[in-house]
Amino acid sequence: MAKKKSKFVIGETEVPLSAMIDVTFLLLAYFLITSSPVIEEAHIAINTPSTQSTPITEINNSSFDILVYQDKYHIPELGRSFKNTKDMEIFIANLANNTNNDTNKVNLKLHGKAKTQRLIDLVDLLAQEGLEDKIALAFLN
């Protein structure tokens, strides 16, 4: 009897390695992206400032700034702005009454577009109240 040849070839088959490598890198990328490392600093208690703002009634700093702009005077420590020298006159009178300490300084910062006359008016007001020896001047651009 003659041997029949089978239609199917049985032999070694190769596994496609490129597909396995692709799957491996996809799994590696998935686990790297989805993992979240433990941050040890996140467990440290931090005291944050309160969200409620308290009104500032006095100047406790040894120095404070008066910014001289083209259209206003601004005091950043108090968050107040004054449009003209009349309003500043009242503030400076109160400041002179409350500053008994000789270490207090007034830093005048003149903005580049401000008129010099506004600065001169402010220096005159400070001199009238006896604060002329506590003035420091700076020019801003």
Protein backbone atom coordinates (compact mmCIF):
# COMPACT_ATOMS: atom_id res chain seq x y z
CA MET A 1 0.00 0.00 0.00
CA ALA A 2 1.25 3.35 -0.87
CA LYS A 3 1.62 6.09 1.63
CA LYS A 4 -0.73 8.95 1.22
CA LYS A 5 0.71 12.35 1.49
CA SER A 6 -1.16 14.57 3.86
CA LYS A 7 -2.27 17.90 2.66
CA PHE A 8 -1.21 19.54 5.88
CA VAL A 9 2.42 20.18 6.55
CA ILE A 10 3.33 19.54 10.14
CA GLY A 11 6.51 21.22 11.05
CA GLU A 12 7.96 23.86 13.26
CA THR A 13 5.98 27.06 13.50
CA GLU A 14 7.57 30.29 14.72
CA VAL A 15 5.98 32.62 17.22
CA PRO A 16 6.09 36.25 15.97
CA LEU A 17 8.31 38.02 18.51
CA SER A 18 7.52 41.54 17.28
CA ALA A 19 3.91 41.16 18.40
CA MET A 20 5.04 39.95 21.84
CA ILE A 21 7.43 42.89 22.21
CA ASP A 22 4.67 45.34 21.25
CA VAL A 23 2.31 43.89 23.86
CA THR A 24 5.06 43.98 26.50
CA PHE A 25 5.79 47.67 25.89
CA LEU A 26 2.10 48.54 25.86
CA LEU A 27 1.63 46.86 29.24
CA LEU A 28 4.75 48.57 30.60
CA ALA A 29 3.51 51.96 29.43
CA TYR A 30 0.04 51.32 30.89
CA PHE A 31 1.40 50.45 34.34
CA LEU A 32 3.81 53.40 34.36
CA ILE A 33 1.08 55.87 33.45
CA THR A 34 -1.58 54.55 35.81
CA SER A 35 0.64 54.08 38.86
CA SER A 36 0.80 56.84 41.45
CA PRO A 37 3.80 56.95 43.78
CA VAL A 38 3.33 57.75 47.45
CA ILE A 39 4.51 61.29 48.20
CA GLU A 40 5.82 61.41 51.74
CA GLU A 41 5.63 65.21 51.97
CA ALA A 42 1.89 65.04 51.48
CA HIS A 43 1.52 63.62 54.99
CA ILE A 44 3.21 66.57 56.70
CA ALA A 45 0.87 68.91 58.56
CA ILE A 46 1.16 72.52 57.37
CA ASN A 47 -0.36 75.51 59.12
CA THR A 48 -1.81 77.74 56.42
CA PRO A 49 -3.00 81.31 57.01
CA SER A 50 -6.67 81.91 57.51
CA THR A 51 -8.82 82.98 54.58
CA GLN A 52 -10.50 85.75 56.55
CA SER A 53 -8.76 89.07 56.14
CA THR A 54 -8.41 91.30 59.16
CA PRO A 55 -8.50 95.06 58.69
CA ILE A 56 -5.21 96.80 59.36
CA THR A 57 -5.70 99.71 61.70
CA GLU A 58 -2.10 100.52 62.60
CA ILE A 59 1.23 100.38 60.90
CA ASN A 60 3.39 98.07 62.98
CA ASN A 61 6.25 97.86 60.50
CA SER A 62 9.42 99.81 61.07
CA SER A 63 9.05 101.14 57.53
CA PHE A 64 6.29 101.36 54.96
CA ASP A 65 5.95 102.47 51.36
CA ILE A 66 3.97 105.25 49.74
CA LEU A 67 3.83 104.73 45.99
CA VAL A 68 3.38 107.97 44.05
CA TYR A 69 1.57 107.32 40.76
CA GLN A 70 0.37 109.70 38.09
CA ASP A 71 -3.19 109.81 39.42
CA LYS A 72 -3.02 108.51 43.01
CA TYR A 73 -0.99 107.73 46.12
CA HIS A 74 -1.00 104.08 47.14
CA ILE A 75 0.05 102.43 50.42
CA PRO A 76 0.45 98.66 49.77
CA GLU A 77 0.74 97.69 53.46
CA LEU A 78 -2.70 99.11 54.14
CA GLY A 79 -4.21 98.41 50.75
CA ARG A 80 -5.41 102.01 50.52
CA SER A 81 -5.22 104.56 47.74
CA PHE A 82 -5.65 108.32 47.93
CA LYS A 83 -6.59 110.43 44.91
CA ASN A 84 -5.32 113.82 46.06
CA THR A 85 -3.09 115.46 48.64
CA LYS A 86 -6.02 116.58 50.80
CA ASP A 87 -6.83 112.95 51.61
CA MET A 88 -3.14 112.23 52.21
CA GLU A 89 -2.94 115.19 54.59
CA ILE A 90 -5.42 113.55 56.96
CA PHE A 91 -3.59 110.22 56.78
CA ILE A 92 -0.18 111.81 57.39
CA ALA A 93 -1.52 113.79 60.37
CA ASN A 94 -2.74 110.52 61.91
CA LEU A 95 0.57 108.88 61.06
CA ALA A 96 2.55 111.64 62.77
CA ASN A 97 0.42 111.32 65.91
CA ASN A 98 0.90 107.55 66.03
CA THR A 99 4.64 107.38 65.27
CA ASN A 100 6.43 108.04 68.50
CA ASN A 101 9.12 105.52 67.63
CA ASP A 102 12.17 107.03 65.91
CA THR A 103 12.84 103.86 63.89
CA ASN A 104 9.80 104.27 61.63
CA LYS A 105 10.71 105.17 58.05
CA VAL A 106 8.58 106.34 55.14
CA ASN A 107 9.73 105.05 51.76
CA LEU A 108 8.50 107.26 48.93
CA LYS A 109 8.57 105.46 45.59
CA LEU A 110 7.97 107.67 42.57
CA HIS A 111 6.58 105.94 39.48
CA GLY A 112 8.21 106.96 36.20
CA LYS A 113 5.12 108.66 34.74
CA ALA A 114 4.15 110.52 37.91
CA LYS A 115 4.59 114.26 38.02
CA THR A 116 7.30 115.56 40.30
CA GLN A 117 4.86 118.07 41.80
CA ARG A 118 2.92 115.20 43.41
CA LEU A 119 6.11 114.05 45.12
CA ILE A 120 6.95 117.57 46.26
CA ASP A 121 3.46 118.01 47.73
CA LEU A 122 3.83 114.75 49.63
CA VAL A 123 7.27 115.66 50.99
CA ASP A 124 5.88 119.05 52.09
CA LEU A 125 3.05 117.30 53.96
CA LEU A 126 5.52 115.00 55.70
CA ALA A 127 7.74 117.96 56.61
CA GLN A 128 4.79 119.89 58.08
CA GLU A 129 4.18 116.99 60.46
CA GLY A 130 7.85 116.70 61.43
CA LEU A 131 8.57 113.50 59.53
CA GLU A 132 11.16 114.93 57.13
CA ASP A 133 14.01 113.01 58.75
CA LYS A 134 12.19 109.68 58.24
CA ILE A 135 11.91 109.87 54.43
CA ALA A 136 13.68 107.59 51.96
CA LEU A 137 13.19 108.19 48.22
CA ALA A 138 13.24 105.69 45.35
CA PHE A 139 12.43 106.02 41.67
CA LEU A 140 10.55 103.25 39.83
CA ASN A 141 10.33 102.71 36.09
